[in-house]
Amino acid sequence: MLKRFVLASVLLVLVFGGVIGFKLFKQSKITEYLRNMGTPPVHLNAAVAKAEAWPQHLAAIGSLRARRGIDIRSEADGVIRKLYIVPGQWIAAGELMVELDERSIAPR
């Protein structure tokens, strides 16, 4: 019985020692390879800079969002009868922008 126990213990030590030894050996070889590898070459793309004229207007499809803008709200509810402005137009303070249909305005 003692002989089997000693034999099983020796086999377990050999198996686990072999696995641990192999892992340590592998890690040391990886470390040695990385230490001796050196710096990889760097690939560069270069071009000569030259002046070019760009068009002031480009045709494109997409969506835009203004950096600065305002939301225009009316103090009175109602349906717009006439619009006196176009998108992108500059408007001065006090300038008439819309005309409301007075028939659709609910009394307060």
PDB file of N, CA and C in Angstrom:
ATOM      1  N   MET A   1       0.825  -1.190   0.000  1.00  0.00           N
ATOM      2  CA  MET A   1       0.000   0.000   0.000  1.00  0.00           C
ATOM      3  C   MET A   1       0.871   1.256   0.000  1.00  0.00           C
ATOM      4  N   LEU A   2       1.883   1.251   0.841  1.00  0.00           N
ATOM      5  CA  LEU A   2       2.786   2.394   0.929  1.00  0.00           C
ATOM      6  C   LEU A   2       3.567   2.561  -0.370  1.00  0.00           C
ATOM      7  N   LYS A   3       3.882   1.429  -0.994  1.00  0.00           N
ATOM      8  CA  LYS A   3       4.624   1.457  -2.244  1.00  0.00           C
ATOM      9  C   LYS A   3       3.789   2.146  -3.336  1.00  0.00           C
ATOM     10  N   ARG A   4       2.466   1.855  -3.403  1.00  0.00           N
ATOM     11  CA  ARG A   4       1.579   2.474  -4.383  1.00  0.00           C
ATOM     12  C   ARG A   4       1.436   3.976  -4.117  1.00  0.00           C
ATOM     13  N   PHE A   5       1.332   4.343  -2.876  1.00  0.00           N
ATOM     14  CA  PHE A   5       1.218   5.754  -2.511  1.00  0.00           C
ATOM     15  C   PHE A   5       2.460   6.529  -2.940  1.00  0.00           C
ATOM     16  N   VAL A   6       3.628   5.970  -2.666  1.00  0.00           N
ATOM     17  CA  VAL A   6       4.885   6.623  -3.037  1.00  0.00           C
ATOM     18  C   VAL A   6       4.988   6.709  -4.563  1.00  0.00           C
ATOM     19  N   LEU A   7       4.609   5.645  -5.263  1.00  0.00           N
ATOM     20  CA  LEU A   7       4.678   5.628  -6.724  1.00  0.00           C
ATOM     21  C   LEU A   7       3.704   6.666  -7.320  1.00  0.00           C
ATOM     22  N   ALA A   8       2.478   6.754  -6.775  1.00  0.00           N
ATOM     23  CA  ALA A   8       1.507   7.729  -7.267  1.00  0.00           C
ATOM     24  C   ALA A   8       1.985   9.147  -6.976  1.00  0.00           C
ATOM     25  N   SER A   9       2.577   9.374  -5.820  1.00  0.00           N
ATOM     26  CA  SER A   9       3.097  10.703  -5.478  1.00  0.00           C
ATOM     27  C   SER A   9       4.219  11.106  -6.419  1.00  0.00           C
ATOM     28  N   VAL A  10       5.129  10.171  -6.699  1.00  0.00           N
ATOM     29  CA  VAL A  10       6.251  10.458  -7.599  1.00  0.00           C
ATOM     30  C   VAL A  10       5.719  10.773  -9.002  1.00  0.00           C
ATOM     31  N   LEU A  11       4.731  10.000  -9.474  1.00  0.00           N
ATOM     32  CA  LEU A  11       4.162  10.247 -10.798  1.00  0.00           C
ATOM     33  C   LEU A  11       3.463  11.618 -10.855  1.00  0.00           C
ATOM     34  N   LEU A  12       2.732  11.967  -9.805  1.00  0.00           N
ATOM     35  CA  LEU A  12       2.077  13.268  -9.767  1.00  0.00           C
ATOM     36  C   LEU A  12       3.094  14.406  -9.773  1.00  0.00           C
ATOM     37  N   VAL A  13       4.159  14.249  -9.006  1.00  0.00           N
ATOM     38  CA  VAL A  13       5.205  15.280  -8.977  1.00  0.00           C
ATOM     39  C   VAL A  13       5.857  15.398 -10.343  1.00  0.00           C
ATOM     40  N   LEU A  14       6.103  14.281 -11.005  1.00  0.00           N
ATOM     41  CA  LEU A  14       6.715  14.324 -12.340  1.00  0.00           C
ATOM     42  C   LEU A  14       5.783  14.986 -13.358  1.00  0.00           C
ATOM     43  N   VAL A  15       4.492  14.631 -13.310  1.00  0.00           N
ATOM     44  CA  VAL A  15       3.550  15.192 -14.277  1.00  0.00           C
ATOM     45  C   VAL A  15       3.388  16.692 -14.042  1.00  0.00           C
ATOM     46  N   PHE A  16       3.060  17.084 -12.804  1.00  0.00           N
ATOM     47  CA  PHE A  16       2.866  18.508 -12.534  1.00  0.00           C
ATOM     48  C   PHE A  16       4.162  19.293 -12.673  1.00  0.00           C
ATOM     49  N   GLY A  17       5.273  18.703 -12.286  1.00  0.00           N
ATOM     50  CA  GLY A  17       6.570  19.362 -12.461  1.00  0.00           C
ATOM     51  C   GLY A  17       6.895  19.557 -13.928  1.00  0.00           C
ATOM     52  N   GLY A  18       6.559  18.560 -14.748  1.00  0.00           N
ATOM     53  CA  GLY A  18       6.787  18.683 -16.190  1.00  0.00           C
ATOM     54  C   GLY A  18       5.928  19.782 -16.800  1.00  0.00           C
ATOM     55  N   VAL A  19       4.661  19.851 -16.401  1.00  0.00           N
ATOM     56  CA  VAL A  19       3.766  20.883 -16.938  1.00  0.00           C
ATOM     57  C   VAL A  19       4.234  22.270 -16.512  1.00  0.00           C
ATOM     58  N   ILE A  20       4.546  22.421 -15.234  1.00  0.00           N
ATOM     59  CA  ILE A  20       5.013  23.726 -14.736  1.00  0.00           C
ATOM     60  C   ILE A  20       6.353  24.088 -15.361  1.00  0.00           C
ATOM     61  N   GLY A  21       7.244  23.126 -15.485  1.00  0.00           N
ATOM     62  CA  GLY A  21       8.539  23.377 -16.116  1.00  0.00           C
ATOM     63  C   GLY A  21       8.388  23.797 -17.565  1.00  0.00           C
ATOM     64  N   PHE A  22       7.475  23.116 -18.286  1.00  0.00           N
ATOM     65  CA  PHE A  22       7.252  23.482 -19.693  1.00  0.00           C
ATOM     66  C   PHE A  22       6.710  24.902 -19.804  1.00  0.00           C
ATOM     67  N   LYS A  23       5.748  25.275 -18.939  1.00  0.00           N
ATOM     68  CA  LYS A  23       5.194  26.635 -18.960  1.00  0.00           C
ATOM     69  C   LYS A  23       6.284  27.671 -18.696  1.00  0.00           C
ATOM     70  N   LEU A  24       7.131  27.420 -17.698  1.00  0.00           N
ATOM     71  CA  LEU A  24       8.219  28.358 -17.401  1.00  0.00           C
ATOM     72  C   LEU A  24       9.215  28.452 -18.550  1.00  0.00           C
ATOM     73  N   PHE A  25       9.534  27.311 -19.178  1.00  0.00           N
ATOM     74  CA  PHE A  25      10.447  27.291 -20.316  1.00  0.00           C
ATOM     75  C   PHE A  25       9.861  28.090 -21.484  1.00  0.00           C
ATOM     76  N   LYS A  26       8.571  27.882 -21.753  1.00  0.00           N
ATOM     77  CA  LYS A  26       7.903  28.590 -22.848  1.00  0.00           C
ATOM     78  C   LYS A  26       7.896  30.097 -22.592  1.00  0.00           C
ATOM     79  N   GLN A  27       7.591  30.493 -21.362  1.00  0.00           N
ATOM     80  CA  GLN A  27       7.567  31.923 -21.025  1.00  0.00           C
ATOM     81  C   GLN A  27       8.946  32.547 -21.165  1.00  0.00           C
ATOM     82  N   SER A  28       9.994  31.828 -20.779  1.00  0.00           N
ATOM     83  CA  SER A  28      11.351  32.375 -20.905  1.00  0.00           C
ATOM     84  C   SER A  28      11.744  32.527 -22.370  1.00  0.00           C
ATOM     85  N   LYS A  29      11.342  31.599 -23.224  1.00  0.00           N
ATOM     86  CA  LYS A  29      11.657  31.694 -24.656  1.00  0.00           C
ATOM     87  C   LYS A  29      10.894  32.852 -25.305  1.00  0.00           C
ATOM     88  N   ILE A  30       9.630  33.074 -24.908  1.00  0.00           N
ATOM     89  CA  ILE A  30       8.867  34.199 -25.431  1.00  0.00           C
ATOM     90  C   ILE A  30       9.521  35.511 -25.021  1.00  0.00           C
ATOM     91  N   THR A  31       9.922  35.618 -23.756  1.00  0.00           N
ATOM     92  CA  THR A  31      10.587  36.825 -23.269  1.00  0.00           C
ATOM     93  C   THR A  31      11.898  37.062 -24.013  1.00  0.00           C
ATOM     94  N   GLU A  32      12.664  36.009 -24.238  1.00  0.00           N
ATOM     95  CA  GLU A  32      13.937  36.125 -24.961  1.00  0.00           C
ATOM     96  C   GLU A  32      13.706  36.565 -26.403  1.00  0.00           C
ATOM     97  N   TYR A  33      12.682  36.037 -27.056  1.00  0.00           N
ATOM     98  CA  TYR A  33      12.377  36.419 -28.426  1.00  0.00           C
ATOM     99  C   TYR A  33      11.981  37.888 -28.507  1.00  0.00           C
ATOM    100  N   LEU A  34      11.119  38.323 -27.602  1.00  0.00           N
ATOM    101  CA  LEU A  34      10.670  39.715 -27.631  1.00  0.00           C
ATOM    102  C   LEU A  34      11.801  40.680 -27.306  1.00  0.00           C
ATOM    103  N   ARG A  35      12.712  40.294 -26.429  1.00  0.00           N
ATOM    104  CA  ARG A  35      13.839  41.149 -26.075  1.00  0.00           C
ATOM    105  C   ARG A  35      14.775  41.322 -27.264  1.00  0.00           C
ATOM    106  N   ASN A  36      14.957  40.283 -28.077  1.00  0.00           N
ATOM    107  CA  ASN A  36      15.895  40.329 -29.207  1.00  0.00           C
ATOM    108  C   ASN A  36      15.228  40.715 -30.524  1.00  0.00           C
ATOM    109  N   MET A  37      13.936  40.994 -30.501  1.00  0.00           N
ATOM    110  CA  MET A  37      13.206  41.243 -31.740  1.00  0.00           C
ATOM    111  C   MET A  37      13.582  42.572 -32.378  1.00  0.00           C
ATOM    112  N   GLY A  38      13.761  43.616 -31.644  1.00  0.00           N
ATOM    113  CA  GLY A  38      14.090  44.912 -32.220  1.00  0.00           C
ATOM    114  C   GLY A  38      12.850  45.690 -32.602  1.00  0.00           C
ATOM    115  N   THR A  39      13.081  46.877 -33.148  1.00  0.00           N
ATOM    116  CA  THR A  39      11.985  47.751 -33.539  1.00  0.00           C
ATOM    117  C   THR A  39      11.555  47.443 -34.965  1.00  0.00           C
ATOM    118  N   PRO A  40      10.262  47.300 -35.221  1.00  0.00           N
ATOM    119  CA  PRO A  40       9.823  47.033 -36.592  1.00  0.00           C
ATOM    120  C   PRO A  40       9.998  48.272 -37.467  1.00  0.00           C
ATOM    121  N   PRO A  41      10.170  48.093 -38.768  1.00  0.00           N
ATOM    122  CA  PRO A  41      10.334  49.249 -39.655  1.00  0.00           C
ATOM    123  C   PRO A  41       9.032  50.050 -39.735  1.00  0.00           C
ATOM    124  N   VAL A  42       9.173  51.350 -39.947  1.00  0.00           N
ATOM    125  CA  VAL A  42       8.025  52.245 -40.061  1.00  0.00           C
ATOM    126  C   VAL A  42       7.842  52.603 -41.522  1.00  0.00           C
ATOM    127  N   HIS A  43       6.631  52.430 -42.029  1.00  0.00           N
ATOM    128  CA  HIS A  43       6.341  52.754 -43.421  1.00  0.00           C
ATOM    129  C   HIS A  43       5.706  54.138 -43.476  1.00  0.00           C
ATOM    130  N   LEU A  44       6.220  54.991 -44.337  1.00  0.00           N
ATOM    131  CA  LEU A  44       5.722  56.353 -44.484  1.00  0.00           C
ATOM    132  C   LEU A  44       5.225  56.583 -45.895  1.00  0.00           C
ATOM    133  N   ASN A  45       4.165  57.338 -45.996  1.00  0.00           N
ATOM    134  CA  ASN A  45       3.689  57.807 -47.293  1.00  0.00           C
ATOM    135  C   ASN A  45       3.921  59.312 -47.332  1.00  0.00           C
ATOM    136  N   ALA A  46       4.559  59.787 -48.378  1.00  0.00           N
ATOM    137  CA  ALA A  46       4.865  61.214 -48.478  1.00  0.00           C
ATOM    138  C   ALA A  46       4.422  61.720 -49.841  1.00  0.00           C
ATOM    139  N   ALA A  47       4.100  63.004 -49.869  1.00  0.00           N
ATOM    140  CA  ALA A  47       3.724  63.660 -51.116  1.00  0.00           C
ATOM    141  C   ALA A  47       4.238  65.087 -51.065  1.00  0.00           C
ATOM    142  N   VAL A  48       4.445  65.651 -52.231  1.00  0.00           N
ATOM    143  CA  VAL A  48       4.912  67.024 -52.328  1.00  0.00           C
ATOM    144  C   VAL A  48       3.709  67.947 -52.154  1.00  0.00           C
ATOM    145  N   ALA A  49       3.851  68.937 -51.284  1.00  0.00           N
ATOM    146  CA  ALA A  49       2.765  69.899 -51.060  1.00  0.00           C
ATOM    147  C   ALA A  49       2.752  70.917 -52.187  1.00  0.00           C
ATOM    148  N   LYS A  50       1.549  71.198 -52.696  1.00  0.00           N
ATOM    149  CA  LYS A  50       1.430  72.200 -53.754  1.00  0.00           C
ATOM    150  C   LYS A  50       0.152  72.997 -53.534  1.00  0.00           C
ATOM    151  N   ALA A  51       0.167  74.233 -54.002  1.00  0.00           N
ATOM    152  CA  ALA A  51      -0.992  75.116 -53.855  1.00  0.00           C
ATOM    153  C   ALA A  51      -2.029  74.756 -54.914  1.00  0.00           C
ATOM    154  N   GLU A  52      -3.298  74.754 -54.493  1.00  0.00           N
ATOM    155  CA  GLU A  52      -4.392  74.469 -55.409  1.00  0.00           C
ATOM    156  C   GLU A  52      -5.527  75.438 -55.140  1.00  0.00           C
ATOM    157  N   ALA A  53      -6.289  75.708 -56.166  1.00  0.00           N
ATOM    158  CA  ALA A  53      -7.479  76.544 -56.016  1.00  0.00           C
ATOM    159  C   ALA A  53      -8.674  75.629 -55.790  1.00  0.00           C
ATOM    160  N   TRP A  54      -9.395  75.889 -54.717  1.00  0.00           N
ATOM    161  CA  TRP A  54     -10.581  75.094 -54.411  1.00  0.00           C
ATOM    162  C   TRP A  54     -11.814  75.892 -54.798  1.00  0.00           C
ATOM    163  N   PRO A  55     -12.851  75.233 -55.281  1.00  0.00           N
ATOM    164  CA  PRO A  55     -14.079  75.966 -55.600  1.00  0.00           C
ATOM    165  C   PRO A  55     -14.732  76.481 -54.322  1.00  0.00           C
ATOM    166  N   GLN A  56     -15.414  77.619 -54.442  1.00  0.00           N
ATOM    167  CA  GLN A  56     -16.058  78.193 -53.268  1.00  0.00           C
ATOM    168  C   GLN A  56     -17.354  77.481 -52.933  1.00  0.00           C
ATOM    169  N   HIS A  57     -17.928  76.786 -53.891  1.00  0.00           N
ATOM    170  CA  HIS A  57     -19.181  76.079 -53.662  1.00  0.00           C
ATOM    171  C   HIS A  57     -19.008  74.633 -54.112  1.00  0.00           C
ATOM    172  N   LEU A  58     -19.509  73.713 -53.338  1.00  0.00           N
ATOM    173  CA  LEU A  58     -19.468  72.302 -53.678  1.00  0.00           C
ATOM    174  C   LEU A  58     -20.877  71.744 -53.661  1.00  0.00           C
ATOM    175  N   ALA A  59     -21.183  70.890 -54.606  1.00  0.00           N
ATOM    176  CA  ALA A  59     -22.481  70.213 -54.612  1.00  0.00           C
ATOM    177  C   ALA A  59     -22.331  68.950 -53.768  1.00  0.00           C
ATOM    178  N   ALA A  60     -23.230  68.760 -52.804  1.00  0.00           N
ATOM    179  CA  ALA A  60     -23.142  67.605 -51.930  1.00  0.00           C
ATOM    180  C   ALA A  60     -24.525  67.233 -51.421  1.00  0.00           C
ATOM    181  N   ILE A  61     -24.637  66.023 -50.956  1.00  0.00           N
ATOM    182  CA  ILE A  61     -25.868  65.557 -50.349  1.00  0.00           C
ATOM    183  C   ILE A  61     -25.561  65.300 -48.872  1.00  0.00           C
ATOM    184  N   GLY A  62     -26.390  65.801 -48.001  1.00  0.00           N
ATOM    185  CA  GLY A  62     -26.148  65.599 -46.578  1.00  0.00           C
ATOM    186  C   GLY A  62     -27.084  66.449 -45.755  1.00  0.00           C
ATOM    187  N   SER A  63     -26.748  66.589 -44.512  1.00  0.00           N
ATOM    188  CA  SER A  63     -27.550  67.429 -43.628  1.00  0.00           C
ATOM    189  C   SER A  63     -26.621  68.367 -42.876  1.00  0.00           C
ATOM    190  N   LEU A  64     -27.146  69.532 -42.550  1.00  0.00           N
ATOM    191  CA  LEU A  64     -26.364  70.551 -41.853  1.00  0.00           C
ATOM    192  C   LEU A  64     -27.057  70.918 -40.555  1.00  0.00           C
ATOM    193  N   ARG A  65     -26.266  71.384 -39.625  1.00  0.00           N
ATOM    194  CA  ARG A  65     -26.802  71.895 -38.377  1.00  0.00           C
ATOM    195  C   ARG A  65     -26.082  73.198 -38.083  1.00  0.00           C
ATOM    196  N   ALA A  66     -26.846  74.221 -37.769  1.00  0.00           N
ATOM    197  CA  ALA A  66     -26.269  75.540 -37.529  1.00  0.00           C
ATOM    198  C   ALA A  66     -25.497  75.558 -36.216  1.00  0.00           C
ATOM    199  N   ARG A  67     -24.394  76.304 -36.189  1.00  0.00           N
ATOM    200  CA  ARG A  67     -23.661  76.494 -34.936  1.00  0.00           C
ATOM    201  C   ARG A  67     -24.458  77.338 -33.973  1.00  0.00           C
ATOM    202  N   ARG A  68     -25.000  78.416 -34.505  1.00  0.00           N
ATOM    203  CA  ARG A  68     -25.823  79.310 -33.694  1.00  0.00           C
ATOM    204  C   ARG A  68     -27.168  79.437 -34.382  1.00  0.00           C
ATOM    205  N   GLY A  69     -28.217  79.371 -33.641  1.00  0.00           N
ATOM    206  CA  GLY A  69     -29.541  79.499 -34.221  1.00  0.00           C
ATOM    207  C   GLY A  69     -30.536  79.853 -33.135  1.00  0.00           C
ATOM    208  N   ILE A  70     -31.737  80.091 -33.560  1.00  0.00           N
ATOM    209  CA  ILE A  70     -32.799  80.414 -32.609  1.00  0.00           C
ATOM    210  C   ILE A  70     -34.044  79.635 -32.987  1.00  0.00           C
ATOM    211  N   ASP A  71     -34.900  79.423 -32.011  1.00  0.00           N
ATOM    212  CA  ASP A  71     -36.219  78.864 -32.257  1.00  0.00           C
ATOM    213  C   ASP A  71     -37.198  80.018 -32.224  1.00  0.00           C
ATOM    214  N   ILE A  72     -37.967  80.159 -33.284  1.00  0.00           N
ATOM    215  CA  ILE A  72     -38.938  81.248 -33.361  1.00  0.00           C
ATOM    216  C   ILE A  72     -40.284  80.695 -32.920  1.00  0.00           C
ATOM    217  N   ARG A  73     -40.854  81.323 -31.901  1.00  0.00           N
ATOM    218  CA  ARG A  73     -42.166  80.931 -31.395  1.00  0.00           C
ATOM    219  C   ARG A  73     -43.063  82.166 -31.338  1.00  0.00           C
ATOM    220  N   SER A  74     -44.299  81.915 -31.592  1.00  0.00           N
ATOM    221  CA  SER A  74     -45.263  83.012 -31.548  1.00  0.00           C
ATOM    222  C   SER A  74     -45.890  83.083 -30.164  1.00  0.00           C
ATOM    223  N   GLU A  75     -46.253  84.290 -29.753  1.00  0.00           N
ATOM    224  CA  GLU A  75     -46.956  84.441 -28.487  1.00  0.00           C
ATOM    225  C   GLU A  75     -48.419  84.039 -28.636  1.00  0.00           C
ATOM    226  N   ALA A  76     -48.905  84.041 -29.867  1.00  0.00           N
ATOM    227  CA  ALA A  76     -50.303  83.670 -30.119  1.00  0.00           C
ATOM    228  C   ALA A  76     -50.334  82.396 -30.955  1.00  0.00           C
ATOM    229  N   ASP A  77     -51.311  81.532 -30.666  1.00  0.00           N
ATOM    230  CA  ASP A  77     -51.499  80.331 -31.470  1.00  0.00           C
ATOM    231  C   ASP A  77     -52.235  80.707 -32.749  1.00  0.00           C
ATOM    232  N   GLY A  78     -52.011  79.948 -33.784  1.00  0.00           N
ATOM    233  CA  GLY A  78     -52.742  80.204 -35.016  1.00  0.00           C
ATOM    234  C   GLY A  78     -52.072  79.557 -36.205  1.00  0.00           C
ATOM    235  N   VAL A  79     -52.726  79.638 -37.332  1.00  0.00           N
ATOM    236  CA  VAL A  79     -52.223  79.083 -38.581  1.00  0.00           C
ATOM    237  C   VAL A  79     -51.552  80.207 -39.365  1.00  0.00           C
ATOM    238  N   ILE A  80     -50.406  79.921 -39.937  1.00  0.00           N
ATOM    239  CA  ILE A  80     -49.678  80.928 -40.711  1.00  0.00           C
ATOM    240  C   ILE A  80     -50.372  81.139 -42.047  1.00  0.00           C
ATOM    241  N   ARG A  81     -50.716  82.391 -42.327  1.00  0.00           N
ATOM    242  CA  ARG A  81     -51.356  82.722 -43.589  1.00  0.00           C
ATOM    243  C   ARG A  81     -50.298  83.036 -44.642  1.00  0.00           C
ATOM    244  N   LYS A  82     -49.290  83.826 -44.276  1.00  0.00           N
ATOM    245  CA  LYS A  82     -48.270  84.231 -45.234  1.00  0.00           C
ATOM    246  C   LYS A  82     -46.910  84.259 -44.540  1.00  0.00           C
ATOM    247  N   LEU A  83     -45.901  83.816 -45.261  1.00  0.00           N
ATOM    248  CA  LEU A  83     -44.532  83.780 -44.753  1.00  0.00           C
ATOM    249  C   LEU A  83     -43.720  84.814 -45.517  1.00  0.00           C
ATOM    250  N   TYR A  84     -43.102  85.755 -44.816  1.00  0.00           N
ATOM    251  CA  TYR A  84     -42.369  86.844 -45.453  1.00  0.00           C
ATOM    252  C   TYR A  84     -40.854  86.603 -45.515  1.00  0.00           C
ATOM    253  N   ILE A  85     -40.409  85.463 -45.071  1.00  0.00           N
ATOM    254  CA  ILE A  85     -38.971  85.181 -45.056  1.00  0.00           C
ATOM    255  C   ILE A  85     -38.703  83.878 -45.791  1.00  0.00           C
ATOM    256  N   VAL A  86     -37.431  83.690 -46.140  1.00  0.00           N
ATOM    257  CA  VAL A  86     -36.985  82.432 -46.752  1.00  0.00           C
ATOM    258  C   VAL A  86     -35.873  81.856 -45.879  1.00  0.00           C
ATOM    259  N   PRO A  87     -35.676  80.549 -45.886  1.00  0.00           N
ATOM    260  CA  PRO A  87     -34.607  79.960 -45.071  1.00  0.00           C
ATOM    261  C   PRO A  87     -33.248  80.554 -45.414  1.00  0.00           C
ATOM    262  N   GLY A  88     -32.478  80.884 -44.391  1.00  0.00           N
ATOM    263  CA  GLY A  88     -31.144  81.427 -44.567  1.00  0.00           C
ATOM    264  C   GLY A  88     -31.092  82.938 -44.684  1.00  0.00           C
ATOM    265  N   GLN A  89     -32.240  83.577 -44.710  1.00  0.00           N
ATOM    266  CA  GLN A  89     -32.298  85.036 -44.859  1.00  0.00           C
ATOM    267  C   GLN A  89     -31.957  85.709 -43.537  1.00  0.00           C
ATOM    268  N   TRP A  90     -31.233  86.827 -43.610  1.00  0.00           N
ATOM    269  CA  TRP A  90     -30.939  87.636 -42.426  1.00  0.00           C
ATOM    270  C   TRP A  90     -32.149  88.499 -42.117  1.00  0.00           C
ATOM    271  N   ILE A  91     -32.480  88.604 -40.845  1.00  0.00           N
ATOM    272  CA  ILE A  91     -33.665  89.361 -40.437  1.00  0.00           C
ATOM    273  C   ILE A  91     -33.257  90.388 -39.401  1.00  0.00           C
ATOM    274  N   ALA A  92     -33.740  91.605 -39.585  1.00  0.00           N
ATOM    275  CA  ALA A  92     -33.462  92.679 -38.627  1.00  0.00           C
ATOM    276  C   ALA A  92     -34.521  92.642 -37.526  1.00  0.00           C
ATOM    277  N   ALA A  93     -34.176  93.209 -36.386  1.00  0.00           N
ATOM    278  CA  ALA A  93     -35.115  93.261 -35.265  1.00  0.00           C
ATOM    279  C   ALA A  93     -36.338  94.069 -35.663  1.00  0.00           C
ATOM    280  N   GLY A  94     -37.526  93.541 -35.347  1.00  0.00           N
ATOM    281  CA  GLY A  94     -38.763  94.230 -35.643  1.00  0.00           C
ATOM    282  C   GLY A  94     -39.303  93.970 -37.034  1.00  0.00           C
ATOM    283  N   GLU A  95     -38.598  93.215 -37.857  1.00  0.00           N
ATOM    284  CA  GLU A  95     -39.041  92.950 -39.226  1.00  0.00           C
ATOM    285  C   GLU A  95     -40.169  91.923 -39.204  1.00  0.00           C
ATOM    286  N   LEU A  96     -41.159  92.106 -40.076  1.00  0.00           N
ATOM    287  CA  LEU A  96     -42.303  91.209 -40.164  1.00  0.00           C
ATOM    288  C   LEU A  96     -41.860  89.895 -40.799  1.00  0.00           C
ATOM    289  N   MET A  97     -42.157  88.786 -40.119  1.00  0.00           N
ATOM    290  CA  MET A  97     -41.741  87.484 -40.636  1.00  0.00           C
ATOM    291  C   MET A  97     -42.921  86.645 -41.109  1.00  0.00           C
ATOM    292  N   VAL A  98     -44.005  86.583 -40.317  1.00  0.00           N
ATOM    293  CA  VAL A  98     -45.165  85.783 -40.697  1.00  0.00           C
ATOM    294  C   VAL A  98     -46.443  86.570 -40.431  1.00  0.00           C
ATOM    295  N   GLU A  99     -47.488  86.124 -41.109  1.00  0.00           N
ATOM    296  CA  GLU A  99     -48.814  86.694 -40.870  1.00  0.00           C
ATOM    297  C   GLU A  99     -49.722  85.531 -40.485  1.00  0.00           C
ATOM    298  N   LEU A 100     -50.374  85.675 -39.340  1.00  0.00           N
ATOM    299  CA  LEU A 100     -51.244  84.615 -38.849  1.00  0.00           C
ATOM    300  C   LEU A 100     -52.659  84.802 -39.358  1.00  0.00           C
ATOM    301  N   ASP A 101     -53.359  83.696 -39.568  1.00  0.00           N
ATOM    302  CA  ASP A 101     -54.770  83.746 -39.937  1.00  0.00           C
ATOM    303  C   ASP A 101     -55.552  84.033 -38.662  1.00  0.00           C
ATOM    304  N   GLU A 102     -56.185  85.196 -38.615  1.00  0.00           N
ATOM    305  CA  GLU A 102     -56.860  85.635 -37.397  1.00  0.00           C
ATOM    306  C   GLU A 102     -58.092  84.795 -37.071  1.00  0.00           C
ATOM    307  N   ARG A 103     -58.650  84.147 -38.064  1.00  0.00           N
ATOM    308  CA  ARG A 103     -59.848  83.338 -37.828  1.00  0.00           C
ATOM    309  C   ARG A 103     -59.523  82.091 -37.000  1.00  0.00           C
ATOM    310  N   SER A 104     -58.266  81.609 -37.072  1.00  0.00           N
ATOM    311  CA  SER A 104     -57.904  80.386 -36.346  1.00  0.00           C
ATOM    312  C   SER A 104     -57.333  80.667 -34.969  1.00  0.00           C
ATOM    313  N   ILE A 105     -57.175  81.944 -34.592  1.00  0.00           N
ATOM    314  CA  ILE A 105     -56.601  82.284 -33.287  1.00  0.00           C
ATOM    315  C   ILE A 105     -57.679  82.137 -32.221  1.00  0.00           C
ATOM    316  N   ALA A 106     -57.386  81.359 -31.209  1.00  0.00           N
ATOM    317  CA  ALA A 106     -58.342  81.141 -30.130  1.00  0.00           C
ATOM    318  C   ALA A 106     -58.278  82.334 -29.188  1.00  0.00           C
ATOM    319  N   PRO A 107     -59.432  82.827 -28.739  1.00  0.00           N
ATOM    320  CA  PRO A 107     -59.415  83.952 -27.785  1.00  0.00           C
ATOM    321  C   PRO A 107     -58.873  83.497 -26.439  1.00  0.00           C
ATOM    322  N   ARG A 108     -58.191  84.405 -25.738  1.00  0.00           N
ATOM    323  CA  ARG A 108     -57.594  84.073 -24.437  1.00  0.00           C
ATOM    324  C   ARG A 108     -58.476  84.520 -23.326  1.00  0.00           C
TER     325      ARG A 108
END
